[in-house]
Amino acid sequence: MALTDAKRKANNKYIKENMTTLGCKIRRDKAAVFKQACEDHGDKMNAIFTRAIDDYLESKGIIWERPASPKED
């Protein structure tokens, strides 16, 4: 099912206001192995990165809670 123009605009607005891109440099060969492993196991790379960030913050005793979205109010 395709997104309507209104839904696409709403999604893009949310992403622009609430999301950011983090980057890191990693050897190409290691990146290729990682990408293949994710594909082989049905994992999304973003989910792996997000989980690693959550684990890191927790290990440092940093509590982060996702703010409630307007729909959850």
Protein backbone atom coordinates (compact mmCIF):
# COMPACT_ATOMS: atom_id res chain seq x y z
CA MET A 1 0.00 0.00 0.00
CA ALA A 2 1.50 3.29 -1.10
CA LEU A 3 1.70 6.28 1.20
CA THR A 4 -0.53 9.22 0.49
CA ASP A 5 1.16 12.55 -0.15
CA ALA A 6 -0.16 13.84 3.18
CA LYS A 7 1.27 10.86 5.09
CA ARG A 8 4.61 11.16 3.29
CA LYS A 9 4.80 14.87 4.16
CA ALA A 10 3.92 14.13 7.80
CA ASN A 11 6.60 11.41 7.94
CA ASN A 12 9.22 13.70 6.41
CA LYS A 13 8.33 16.50 8.83
CA TYR A 14 8.64 14.14 11.81
CA ILE A 15 12.01 12.85 10.60
CA LYS A 16 13.32 16.38 10.02
CA GLU A 17 12.26 17.53 13.50
CA ASN A 18 13.12 14.44 15.56
CA MET A 19 15.80 12.33 13.91
CA THR A 20 19.51 12.70 13.15
CA THR A 21 22.14 10.63 11.39
CA LEU A 22 25.22 9.37 13.20
CA GLY A 23 28.21 8.15 11.28
CA CYS A 24 31.43 6.31 11.88
CA LYS A 25 34.37 5.20 9.79
CA ILE A 26 34.97 1.48 9.56
CA ARG A 27 37.09 -0.68 7.29
CA ARG A 28 35.26 -1.61 4.08
CA ASP A 29 35.93 -5.32 4.52
CA LYS A 30 34.54 -5.29 8.05
CA ALA A 31 31.49 -3.30 6.91
CA ALA A 32 30.84 -5.84 4.15
CA VAL A 33 30.99 -8.72 6.64
CA PHE A 34 28.63 -6.84 8.99
CA LYS A 35 26.14 -6.07 6.21
CA GLN A 36 26.16 -9.68 5.06
CA ALA A 37 25.69 -10.99 8.61
CA CYS A 38 22.70 -8.68 9.11
CA GLU A 39 21.19 -9.84 5.84
CA ASP A 40 21.83 -13.52 6.60
CA HIS A 41 20.16 -13.25 10.01
CA GLY A 42 17.32 -10.94 8.99
CA ASP A 43 18.54 -8.07 11.16
CA LYS A 44 18.36 -4.40 10.25
CA MET A 45 21.64 -2.54 10.66
CA ASN A 46 19.83 0.40 12.27
CA ALA A 47 18.29 -1.92 14.88
CA ILE A 48 21.76 -3.27 15.76
CA PHE A 49 23.17 0.26 16.12
CA THR A 50 20.21 1.42 18.19
CA ARG A 51 20.51 -1.59 20.50
CA ALA A 52 24.25 -0.96 20.91
CA ILE A 53 23.58 2.68 21.83
CA ASP A 54 20.90 1.66 24.33
CA ASP A 55 23.24 -0.94 25.88
CA TYR A 56 26.06 1.61 26.11
CA LEU A 57 23.89 4.24 27.79
CA GLU A 58 22.56 1.66 30.23
CA SER A 59 26.09 0.46 31.06
CA LYS A 60 27.03 4.05 31.95
CA GLY A 61 23.96 4.49 34.12
CA ILE A 62 22.45 7.04 31.76
CA ILE A 63 18.68 6.90 31.74
CA TRP A 64 17.04 7.97 28.52
CA GLU A 65 13.34 7.75 27.94
CA ARG A 66 11.78 8.44 24.59
CA PRO A 67 9.49 11.45 24.81
CA ALA A 68 5.83 10.67 24.27
CA SER A 69 4.65 11.41 20.76
CA PRO A 70 1.70 13.77 20.34
CA LYS A 71 -0.50 10.76 19.49
CA GLU A 72 0.30 9.17 22.87
CA ASP A 73 -0.88 12.17 24.90
